[in-house]
Structures are given as structure tokens and as C-alpha cells.
């Protein structure tokens, strides 16, 4: 209980005062891929997958061609270890992705690239990225807990769009006391510690929206650094149209 409380208090630093001044990350006009990892501290197959994803920190394509994010799901908690970073909403997103692909099975670790299951990790292959086509510019601005989204599509469109914005933490060490990883200290990168999503409004030149990052999500006060990331998609569709991400200053 003491550990959970300390992490909750730390969120005030992460989400409440992470940005002393507005900070903005912007995508190129060419498509940036979204790579999602669904994982859990209760799953013993997950740490190697997270380590593989962590290697993207040294990839020249990071933020320019790919935005990696790690979602911790909650369906491993029954083994006795409550993952401090899990959320049922992340499990629901994983289920939505599976349903969009015509399936019902979800699993960990699972990698999803641009809304589709990818097996590069399991096949011991390097990450291959398609795309490169022009889709438009996405910018994310964080000011305190307020996140402002702006997407200017390369071609006119009239469909309804929504955006997801996440705060990512790196170098987060967690000693696990139960479950399949009992006795291990796990290190997390690209870790989602706060998430918000919502509809965007359309104007003459594109789409905009303002959202508030939650103030009661688990925080990572031991993180070595942070990043802001996000993506836009058609309403109700998990596959992204454009993604953006980049490092931001640490909390004060």
C-alpha cells in the first residue's frame, strides 16, 4: 500500500508540473508509424519483448518514422501481482484492435504496427516500416496537463477524427513481488503513464482539439526522462492516420 501511494503522489510531478512552459512535438508530413506493445509485469514472456522495444531508442528512425508506446494490460493481475501501470482501458483498446482484424484473441506480449498485429519480434527480424507517403502534419503541445492537438491533412477530408495523447516514461525500474516475474526488477521504456483521447473539431485548414491529461494515473518518479506522443485516427478506428512524438523536459 505504501508503494502505491508514493507512486500516486508522484503523478503530481509528472502530469501536473511536467512542463514549466509549453512544449511541442511535430511530425513530418510523411506518415510516421505507431508501434504499440501490449505487456504486463505479471507475464514472464514480456520482459524480453520490452527489451527489444527499448532498443528503438538507438534507432535513427525514432520519432521520424516510428512512435513506440507500451501499454500495460490488466488481465494478468489475477496471478497476485497488481501491475502499477496497467489500465483496463488499455485492455479494451487491445480488444478493439483484435476485433477490427476479425479476431477475438488477445495476448501478451503483442506488437501492433499501424493497427495490425506484427510478428517481427517473434521472428527475430528487424522492424520493417512501410509508408513514406504524405499524409499531413500532426503537432502536439503540452502545457501543464493540457494537451493541444493540431492535424493538417495533406489532402482535404471531411470525416470525423479523434486523437490520443500519451505521456511516456523511460528507465523506470520496478521490483516485482509476485506473479511470474517474482523476484525480478523490470525496467520499462516508452511506458505510458498518462493517456487521454477525444474527438477533434474541424476547421478550414484541418483538425484541432484540447484535452486534459489525467491527474490520478500511476506516475514514474524514478524515470530518467520523458516523451510526449500521440496519433490521430478516424473515429472508432484503432489504426492511426498520423503519429508524432518526441522527448520533453523532465518534471521540476
C-alpha atoms as a PDB file:
ATOM      1  CA  UNK A   1       0.000   0.000   0.000  1.00  0.00           C
ATOM      2  CA  UNK A   2       2.795   2.415   0.858  1.00  0.00           C
ATOM      3  CA  UNK A   3       4.365   1.887  -2.566  1.00  0.00           C
ATOM      4  CA  UNK A   4       1.120   2.547  -4.406  1.00  0.00           C
ATOM      5  CA  UNK A   5       0.559   5.779  -2.508  1.00  0.00           C
ATOM      6  CA  UNK A   6       4.053   7.069  -3.235  1.00  0.00           C
ATOM      7  CA  UNK A   7       3.575   6.449  -6.958  1.00  0.00           C
ATOM      8  CA  UNK A   8       0.244   8.220  -6.895  1.00  0.00           C
ATOM      9  CA  UNK A   9       1.745  11.258  -5.214  1.00  0.00           C
ATOM     10  CA  UNK A  10       4.471  11.371  -7.821  1.00  0.00           C
ATOM     11  CA  UNK A  11       1.919  11.899 -10.569  1.00  0.00           C
ATOM     12  CA  UNK A  12       1.525  15.445  -9.358  1.00  0.00           C
ATOM     13  CA  UNK A  13       5.072  15.956 -10.584  1.00  0.00           C
ATOM     14  CA  UNK A  14       4.623  14.096 -13.834  1.00  0.00           C
ATOM     15  CA  UNK A  15       1.247  15.243 -15.108  1.00  0.00           C
ATOM     16  CA  UNK A  16       0.776  18.403 -13.095  1.00  0.00           C
ATOM     17  CA  UNK A  17       4.100  20.203 -13.464  1.00  0.00           C
ATOM     18  CA  UNK A  18       5.928  18.233 -16.123  1.00  0.00           C
ATOM     19  CA  UNK A  19       6.038  21.247 -18.398  1.00  0.00           C
ATOM     20  CA  UNK A  20       7.038  24.576 -16.911  1.00  0.00           C
ATOM     21  CA  UNK A  21       6.392  26.121 -20.341  1.00  0.00           C
ATOM     22  CA  UNK A  22       4.512  24.796 -23.368  1.00  0.00           C
ATOM     23  CA  UNK A  23       6.431  22.147 -25.300  1.00  0.00           C
ATOM     24  CA  UNK A  24       5.555  20.977 -28.806  1.00  0.00           C
ATOM     25  CA  UNK A  25       6.416  17.877 -30.826  1.00  0.00           C
ATOM     26  CA  UNK A  26       5.638  17.799 -34.539  1.00  0.00           C
ATOM     27  CA  UNK A  27       5.556  15.064 -37.171  1.00  0.00           C
ATOM     28  CA  UNK A  28       6.858  15.392 -40.700  1.00  0.00           C
ATOM     29  CA  UNK A  29       4.287  15.487 -43.484  1.00  0.00           C
ATOM     30  CA  UNK A  30       5.160  11.889 -44.387  1.00  0.00           C
ATOM     31  CA  UNK A  31       3.481   9.147 -42.373  1.00  0.00           C
ATOM     32  CA  UNK A  32       5.006   8.154 -39.036  1.00  0.00           C
ATOM     33  CA  UNK A  33       4.133   4.622 -37.899  1.00  0.00           C
ATOM     34  CA  UNK A  34       2.674   3.812 -34.480  1.00  0.00           C
ATOM     35  CA  UNK A  35       4.156   0.728 -32.808  1.00  0.00           C
ATOM     36  CA  UNK A  36       2.186  -0.479 -29.768  1.00  0.00           C
ATOM     37  CA  UNK A  37       3.354  -3.134 -27.321  1.00  0.00           C
ATOM     38  CA  UNK A  38       0.782  -4.772 -25.032  1.00  0.00           C
ATOM     39  CA  UNK A  39       2.547  -6.181 -21.997  1.00  0.00           C
ATOM     40  CA  UNK A  40       2.305  -6.844 -18.262  1.00  0.00           C
ATOM     41  CA  UNK A  41       4.635  -7.122 -15.287  1.00  0.00           C
ATOM     42  CA  UNK A  42       2.789 -10.357 -14.465  1.00  0.00           C
ATOM     43  CA  UNK A  43       3.833 -12.086 -17.716  1.00  0.00           C
ATOM     44  CA  UNK A  44       7.235 -13.792 -17.864  1.00  0.00           C
ATOM     45  CA  UNK A  45       7.384 -13.633 -21.681  1.00  0.00           C
ATOM     46  CA  UNK A  46       7.040  -9.849 -21.630  1.00  0.00           C
ATOM     47  CA  UNK A  47      10.400  -8.524 -20.328  1.00  0.00           C
ATOM     48  CA  UNK A  48      12.366  -9.732 -23.413  1.00  0.00           C
ATOM     49  CA  UNK A  49       9.783  -8.082 -25.682  1.00  0.00           C
ATOM     50  CA  UNK A  50      10.091  -4.813 -23.755  1.00  0.00           C
ATOM     51  CA  UNK A  51      13.876  -5.039 -24.042  1.00  0.00           C
ATOM     52  CA  UNK A  52      13.514  -5.437 -27.816  1.00  0.00           C
ATOM     53  CA  UNK A  53      11.334  -2.332 -27.950  1.00  0.00           C
ATOM     54  CA  UNK A  54      13.787  -0.416 -25.752  1.00  0.00           C
ATOM     55  CA  UNK A  55      16.397  -0.952 -28.444  1.00  0.00           C
ATOM     56  CA  UNK A  56      14.500   1.501 -30.649  1.00  0.00           C
ATOM     57  CA  UNK A  57      15.961   4.297 -28.533  1.00  0.00           C
ATOM     58  CA  UNK A  58      19.119   3.829 -30.632  1.00  0.00           C
ATOM     59  CA  UNK A  59      17.224   3.599 -33.933  1.00  0.00           C
ATOM     60  CA  UNK A  60      17.684   6.581 -36.263  1.00  0.00           C
ATOM     61  CA  UNK A  61      14.025   6.260 -37.274  1.00  0.00           C
ATOM     62  CA  UNK A  62      12.727   7.020 -33.766  1.00  0.00           C
ATOM     63  CA  UNK A  63      10.105   9.817 -33.823  1.00  0.00           C
ATOM     64  CA  UNK A  64      10.896  10.474 -37.520  1.00  0.00           C
ATOM     65  CA  UNK A  65       9.406   7.226 -38.855  1.00  0.00           C
ATOM     66  CA  UNK A  66       8.083   5.380 -35.803  1.00  0.00           C
ATOM     67  CA  UNK A  67       6.490   6.229 -32.456  1.00  0.00           C
ATOM     68  CA  UNK A  68       6.703   3.301 -29.967  1.00  0.00           C
ATOM     69  CA  UNK A  69       4.346   3.109 -26.963  1.00  0.00           C
ATOM     70  CA  UNK A  70       3.951   0.446 -24.276  1.00  0.00           C
ATOM     71  CA  UNK A  71       0.517  -0.286 -22.794  1.00  0.00           C
ATOM     72  CA  UNK A  72       0.284  -2.431 -19.653  1.00  0.00           C
ATOM     73  CA  UNK A  73      -2.901  -4.531 -19.604  1.00  0.00           C
ATOM     74  CA  UNK A  74      -4.751  -5.723 -16.509  1.00  0.00           C
ATOM     75  CA  UNK A  75      -5.662  -9.355 -17.223  1.00  0.00           C
ATOM     76  CA  UNK A  76      -2.520 -10.787 -15.612  1.00  0.00           C
ATOM     77  CA  UNK A  77      -3.292  -9.290 -12.201  1.00  0.00           C
ATOM     78  CA  UNK A  78      -5.060 -12.480 -11.104  1.00  0.00           C
ATOM     79  CA  UNK A  79      -1.650 -14.119 -10.532  1.00  0.00           C
ATOM     80  CA  UNK A  80      -1.148 -11.960  -7.457  1.00  0.00           C
ATOM     81  CA  UNK A  81       0.852  -9.011  -8.763  1.00  0.00           C
ATOM     82  CA  UNK A  82      -1.049  -5.780  -9.469  1.00  0.00           C
ATOM     83  CA  UNK A  83       0.835  -4.106 -12.297  1.00  0.00           C
ATOM     84  CA  UNK A  84       1.094  -0.452 -11.167  1.00  0.00           C
ATOM     85  CA  UNK A  85       0.914   0.828 -14.734  1.00  0.00           C
ATOM     86  CA  UNK A  86      -1.989  -1.220 -16.069  1.00  0.00           C
ATOM     87  CA  UNK A  87      -5.367   0.089 -17.105  1.00  0.00           C
ATOM     88  CA  UNK A  88      -8.493  -1.703 -18.236  1.00  0.00           C
ATOM     89  CA  UNK A  89      -8.841   0.947 -20.945  1.00  0.00           C
ATOM     90  CA  UNK A  90      -5.604  -0.383 -22.479  1.00  0.00           C
ATOM     91  CA  UNK A  91      -7.073  -3.890 -22.465  1.00  0.00           C
ATOM     92  CA  UNK A  92     -10.180  -2.536 -24.192  1.00  0.00           C
ATOM     93  CA  UNK A  93      -8.039  -0.908 -26.892  1.00  0.00           C
ATOM     94  CA  UNK A  94      -6.241  -4.207 -27.459  1.00  0.00           C
ATOM     95  CA  UNK A  95      -9.620  -5.920 -27.787  1.00  0.00           C
ATOM     96  CA  UNK A  96     -10.750  -3.247 -30.249  1.00  0.00           C
ATOM     97  CA  UNK A  97      -7.673  -3.876 -32.398  1.00  0.00           C
ATOM     98  CA  UNK A  98      -8.337  -7.632 -32.363  1.00  0.00           C
ATOM     99  CA  UNK A  99     -11.991  -7.106 -33.296  1.00  0.00           C
ATOM    100  CA  UNK A 100     -11.048  -4.792 -36.180  1.00  0.00           C
ATOM    101  CA  UNK A 101      -8.818  -7.581 -37.526  1.00  0.00           C
ATOM    102  CA  UNK A 102     -11.677 -10.072 -37.324  1.00  0.00           C
ATOM    103  CA  UNK A 103     -10.387 -11.929 -34.282  1.00  0.00           C
ATOM    104  CA  UNK A 104     -11.181 -12.240 -30.579  1.00  0.00           C
ATOM    105  CA  UNK A 105      -7.912 -13.458 -29.072  1.00  0.00           C
ATOM    106  CA  UNK A 106      -5.599 -11.036 -27.267  1.00  0.00           C
ATOM    107  CA  UNK A 107      -2.258 -11.952 -25.756  1.00  0.00           C
ATOM    108  CA  UNK A 108       0.972 -10.626 -24.290  1.00  0.00           C
ATOM    109  CA  UNK A 109       3.427  -9.657 -25.471  1.00  0.00           C
ATOM    110  CA  UNK A 110       1.677  -8.370 -28.577  1.00  0.00           C
ATOM    111  CA  UNK A 111       3.122  -5.866 -31.029  1.00  0.00           C
ATOM    112  CA  UNK A 112       0.736  -3.841 -33.168  1.00  0.00           C
ATOM    113  CA  UNK A 113       2.092  -1.764 -36.059  1.00  0.00           C
ATOM    114  CA  UNK A 114      -0.281   0.799 -37.535  1.00  0.00           C
ATOM    115  CA  UNK A 115      -3.283  -1.075 -36.185  1.00  0.00           C
ATOM    116  CA  UNK A 116      -2.196  -4.551 -37.319  1.00  0.00           C
ATOM    117  CA  UNK A 117      -0.530  -7.426 -35.491  1.00  0.00           C
ATOM    118  CA  UNK A 118       3.157  -7.729 -36.370  1.00  0.00           C
ATOM    119  CA  UNK A 119       5.446 -10.716 -35.785  1.00  0.00           C
ATOM    120  CA  UNK A 120       8.863  -9.121 -36.363  1.00  0.00           C
ATOM    121  CA  UNK A 121       9.915  -9.624 -32.752  1.00  0.00           C
ATOM    122  CA  UNK A 122       8.837 -13.264 -32.641  1.00  0.00           C
ATOM    123  CA  UNK A 123      10.521 -13.979 -35.973  1.00  0.00           C
ATOM    124  CA  UNK A 124      13.773 -12.352 -34.783  1.00  0.00           C
ATOM    125  CA  UNK A 125      13.574  -9.790 -37.549  1.00  0.00           C
ATOM    126  CA  UNK A 126      14.383  -6.076 -37.525  1.00  0.00           C
ATOM    127  CA  UNK A 127      11.455  -3.697 -37.569  1.00  0.00           C
ATOM    128  CA  UNK A 128      10.368  -3.044 -41.145  1.00  0.00           C
ATOM    129  CA  UNK A 129       8.374   0.121 -41.825  1.00  0.00           C
ATOM    130  CA  UNK A 130       6.180   0.710 -44.837  1.00  0.00           C
ATOM    131  CA  UNK A 131       4.727   4.035 -45.789  1.00  0.00           C
ATOM    132  CA  UNK A 132       6.667   7.173 -46.521  1.00  0.00           C
ATOM    133  CA  UNK A 133       3.641   8.650 -48.263  1.00  0.00           C
ATOM    134  CA  UNK A 134       2.470  12.170 -47.462  1.00  0.00           C
ATOM    135  CA  UNK A 135      -0.494  12.291 -45.073  1.00  0.00           C
ATOM    136  CA  UNK A 136      -0.183  15.622 -43.255  1.00  0.00           C
ATOM    137  CA  UNK A 137       1.408  17.255 -40.225  1.00  0.00           C
ATOM    138  CA  UNK A 138       0.448  16.436 -36.640  1.00  0.00           C
ATOM    139  CA  UNK A 139       1.576  18.656 -33.770  1.00  0.00           C
ATOM    140  CA  UNK A 140       1.100  18.095 -30.034  1.00  0.00           C
ATOM    141  CA  UNK A 141       1.597  20.851 -27.477  1.00  0.00           C
ATOM    142  CA  UNK A 142       1.724  20.176 -23.736  1.00  0.00           C
ATOM    143  CA  UNK A 143       1.177  22.989 -21.267  1.00  0.00           C
ATOM    144  CA  UNK A 144       0.852  21.600 -17.757  1.00  0.00           C
ATOM    145  CA  UNK A 145      -1.756  18.864 -18.037  1.00  0.00           C
ATOM    146  CA  UNK A 146      -3.376  20.496 -21.080  1.00  0.00           C
ATOM    147  CA  UNK A 147      -2.598  18.881 -24.424  1.00  0.00           C
ATOM    148  CA  UNK A 148      -3.453  20.677 -27.671  1.00  0.00           C
ATOM    149  CA  UNK A 149      -3.647  18.663 -30.886  1.00  0.00           C
ATOM    150  CA  UNK A 150      -3.425  20.095 -34.397  1.00  0.00           C
ATOM    151  CA  UNK A 151      -3.595  17.981 -37.557  1.00  0.00           C
ATOM    152  CA  UNK A 152      -3.357  19.498 -41.041  1.00  0.00           C
ATOM    153  CA  UNK A 153      -4.042  16.758 -43.605  1.00  0.00           C
ATOM    154  CA  UNK A 154      -2.170  16.767 -46.894  1.00  0.00           C
ATOM    155  CA  UNK A 155      -5.451  16.438 -48.785  1.00  0.00           C
ATOM    156  CA  UNK A 156      -8.886  17.780 -47.849  1.00  0.00           C
ATOM    157  CA  UNK A 157     -11.003  15.359 -45.851  1.00  0.00           C
ATOM    158  CA  UNK A 158     -14.409  15.600 -44.223  1.00  0.00           C
ATOM    159  CA  UNK A 159     -14.545  12.556 -41.936  1.00  0.00           C
ATOM    160  CA  UNK A 160     -14.623  12.708 -38.153  1.00  0.00           C
ATOM    161  CA  UNK A 161     -11.234  12.269 -36.499  1.00  0.00           C
ATOM    162  CA  UNK A 162     -10.116  11.575 -32.947  1.00  0.00           C
ATOM    163  CA  UNK A 163      -6.770  11.888 -31.196  1.00  0.00           C
ATOM    164  CA  UNK A 164      -4.872  10.019 -28.485  1.00  0.00           C
ATOM    165  CA  UNK A 165      -2.166  11.740 -26.430  1.00  0.00           C
ATOM    166  CA  UNK A 166       0.175   9.861 -24.080  1.00  0.00           C
ATOM    167  CA  UNK A 167       2.939  10.764 -21.666  1.00  0.00           C
ATOM    168  CA  UNK A 168       5.819   8.276 -21.869  1.00  0.00           C
ATOM    169  CA  UNK A 169       8.429   7.488 -19.214  1.00  0.00           C
ATOM    170  CA  UNK A 170      11.834   5.852 -19.670  1.00  0.00           C
ATOM    171  CA  UNK A 171      14.198   3.950 -17.385  1.00  0.00           C
ATOM    172  CA  UNK A 172      11.520   3.029 -14.847  1.00  0.00           C
ATOM    173  CA  UNK A 173      12.693   0.200 -12.554  1.00  0.00           C
ATOM    174  CA  UNK A 174      10.121  -1.895 -10.686  1.00  0.00           C
ATOM    175  CA  UNK A 175      10.928  -4.780  -8.295  1.00  0.00           C
ATOM    176  CA  UNK A 176       8.186  -7.373  -8.793  1.00  0.00           C
ATOM    177  CA  UNK A 177       6.961  -9.147  -5.676  1.00  0.00           C
ATOM    178  CA  UNK A 178       4.627 -11.801  -7.093  1.00  0.00           C
ATOM    179  CA  UNK A 179       3.390 -13.416 -10.284  1.00  0.00           C
ATOM    180  CA  UNK A 180       5.530 -14.972 -12.996  1.00  0.00           C
ATOM    181  CA  UNK A 181       8.262 -12.322 -12.618  1.00  0.00           C
ATOM    182  CA  UNK A 182       8.527 -12.564  -8.838  1.00  0.00           C
ATOM    183  CA  UNK A 183      11.942 -11.516  -7.576  1.00  0.00           C
ATOM    184  CA  UNK A 184      12.925  -9.688 -10.766  1.00  0.00           C
ATOM    185  CA  UNK A 185      13.478  -5.972 -11.227  1.00  0.00           C
ATOM    186  CA  UNK A 186      11.943  -4.899 -14.528  1.00  0.00           C
ATOM    187  CA  UNK A 187      12.978  -1.816 -16.488  1.00  0.00           C
ATOM    188  CA  UNK A 188      10.377  -0.044 -18.622  1.00  0.00           C
ATOM    189  CA  UNK A 189      10.863   2.347 -21.559  1.00  0.00           C
ATOM    190  CA  UNK A 190       8.260   4.006 -23.780  1.00  0.00           C
ATOM    191  CA  UNK A 191       5.962   3.390 -20.796  1.00  0.00           C
ATOM    192  CA  UNK A 192       2.511   5.006 -20.987  1.00  0.00           C
ATOM    193  CA  UNK A 193       1.963   6.715 -17.614  1.00  0.00           C
ATOM    194  CA  UNK A 194      -0.898   9.002 -18.669  1.00  0.00           C
ATOM    195  CA  UNK A 195      -3.328   8.845 -21.601  1.00  0.00           C
ATOM    196  CA  UNK A 196      -6.225  10.903 -22.900  1.00  0.00           C
ATOM    197  CA  UNK A 197      -8.256  10.725 -26.089  1.00  0.00           C
ATOM    198  CA  UNK A 198     -11.142  12.576 -27.650  1.00  0.00           C
ATOM    199  CA  UNK A 199     -12.787  13.929 -30.782  1.00  0.00           C
ATOM    200  CA  UNK A 200     -11.208  16.662 -32.882  1.00  0.00           C
ATOM    201  CA  UNK A 201     -13.000  19.688 -34.323  1.00  0.00           C
ATOM    202  CA  UNK A 202     -12.633  20.532 -37.987  1.00  0.00           C
ATOM    203  CA  UNK A 203     -11.891  23.994 -39.351  1.00  0.00           C
ATOM    204  CA  UNK A 204     -10.908  25.329 -42.770  1.00  0.00           C
ATOM    205  CA  UNK A 205      -7.330  24.080 -42.654  1.00  0.00           C
ATOM    206  CA  UNK A 206      -7.509  20.966 -40.519  1.00  0.00           C
ATOM    207  CA  UNK A 207      -8.470  19.489 -37.164  1.00  0.00           C
ATOM    208  CA  UNK A 208      -7.869  20.707 -33.613  1.00  0.00           C
ATOM    209  CA  UNK A 209      -8.643  19.617 -30.093  1.00  0.00           C
ATOM    210  CA  UNK A 210      -7.719  20.297 -26.476  1.00  0.00           C
ATOM    211  CA  UNK A 211      -7.554  17.541 -23.861  1.00  0.00           C
ATOM    212  CA  UNK A 212      -6.531  17.257 -20.218  1.00  0.00           C
ATOM    213  CA  UNK A 213      -4.129  14.526 -19.157  1.00  0.00           C
ATOM    214  CA  UNK A 214      -5.386  12.700 -16.042  1.00  0.00           C
ATOM    215  CA  UNK A 215      -4.047  13.705 -12.637  1.00  0.00           C
ATOM    216  CA  UNK A 216      -4.554  10.368 -10.939  1.00  0.00           C
ATOM    217  CA  UNK A 217      -2.732   7.887 -13.190  1.00  0.00           C
ATOM    218  CA  UNK A 218       0.280   5.995 -11.806  1.00  0.00           C
ATOM    219  CA  UNK A 219       3.447   8.024 -12.141  1.00  0.00           C
ATOM    220  CA  UNK A 220       7.058   7.108 -12.677  1.00  0.00           C
ATOM    221  CA  UNK A 221       9.028   9.424 -10.444  1.00  0.00           C
ATOM    222  CA  UNK A 222      12.140   7.293 -10.950  1.00  0.00           C
ATOM    223  CA  UNK A 223      12.059   7.831 -14.722  1.00  0.00           C
ATOM    224  CA  UNK A 224      15.273   9.001 -16.333  1.00  0.00           C
ATOM    225  CA  UNK A 225      13.413  11.001 -18.981  1.00  0.00           C
ATOM    226  CA  UNK A 226      10.017  11.587 -20.587  1.00  0.00           C
ATOM    227  CA  UNK A 227       8.429  11.943 -24.015  1.00  0.00           C
ATOM    228  CA  UNK A 228       5.134  13.172 -25.408  1.00  0.00           C
ATOM    229  CA  UNK A 229       3.436  11.156 -28.143  1.00  0.00           C
ATOM    230  CA  UNK A 230       0.097  10.933 -29.886  1.00  0.00           C
ATOM    231  CA  UNK A 231      -1.780   9.941 -33.007  1.00  0.00           C
ATOM    232  CA  UNK A 232      -4.903  10.749 -34.968  1.00  0.00           C
ATOM    233  CA  UNK A 233      -7.300   8.245 -36.479  1.00  0.00           C
ATOM    234  CA  UNK A 234     -10.767   8.063 -37.947  1.00  0.00           C
ATOM    235  CA  UNK A 235     -13.412   7.986 -35.214  1.00  0.00           C
ATOM    236  CA  UNK A 236     -13.743   4.488 -33.763  1.00  0.00           C
ATOM    237  CA  UNK A 237     -10.856   3.085 -35.832  1.00  0.00           C
ATOM    238  CA  UNK A 238      -7.699   1.965 -33.959  1.00  0.00           C
ATOM    239  CA  UNK A 239      -5.342   2.270 -36.954  1.00  0.00           C
ATOM    240  CA  UNK A 240      -3.615   5.671 -36.993  1.00  0.00           C
ATOM    241  CA  UNK A 241      -3.530   8.164 -39.837  1.00  0.00           C
ATOM    242  CA  UNK A 242      -0.525  10.033 -38.469  1.00  0.00           C
ATOM    243  CA  UNK A 243       1.592   9.858 -35.310  1.00  0.00           C
ATOM    244  CA  UNK A 244       4.040  12.201 -33.614  1.00  0.00           C
ATOM    245  CA  UNK A 245       6.375  12.016 -30.661  1.00  0.00           C
ATOM    246  CA  UNK A 246       9.487  13.421 -29.082  1.00  0.00           C
ATOM    247  CA  UNK A 247      11.355  13.981 -25.855  1.00  0.00           C
ATOM    248  CA  UNK A 248      10.272  16.653 -23.404  1.00  0.00           C
ATOM    249  CA  UNK A 249      11.919  18.264 -20.402  1.00  0.00           C
ATOM    250  CA  UNK A 250      11.753  16.341 -17.132  1.00  0.00           C
ATOM    251  CA  UNK A 251       9.421  17.488 -14.344  1.00  0.00           C
ATOM    252  CA  UNK A 252      10.686  20.111 -11.932  1.00  0.00           C
END
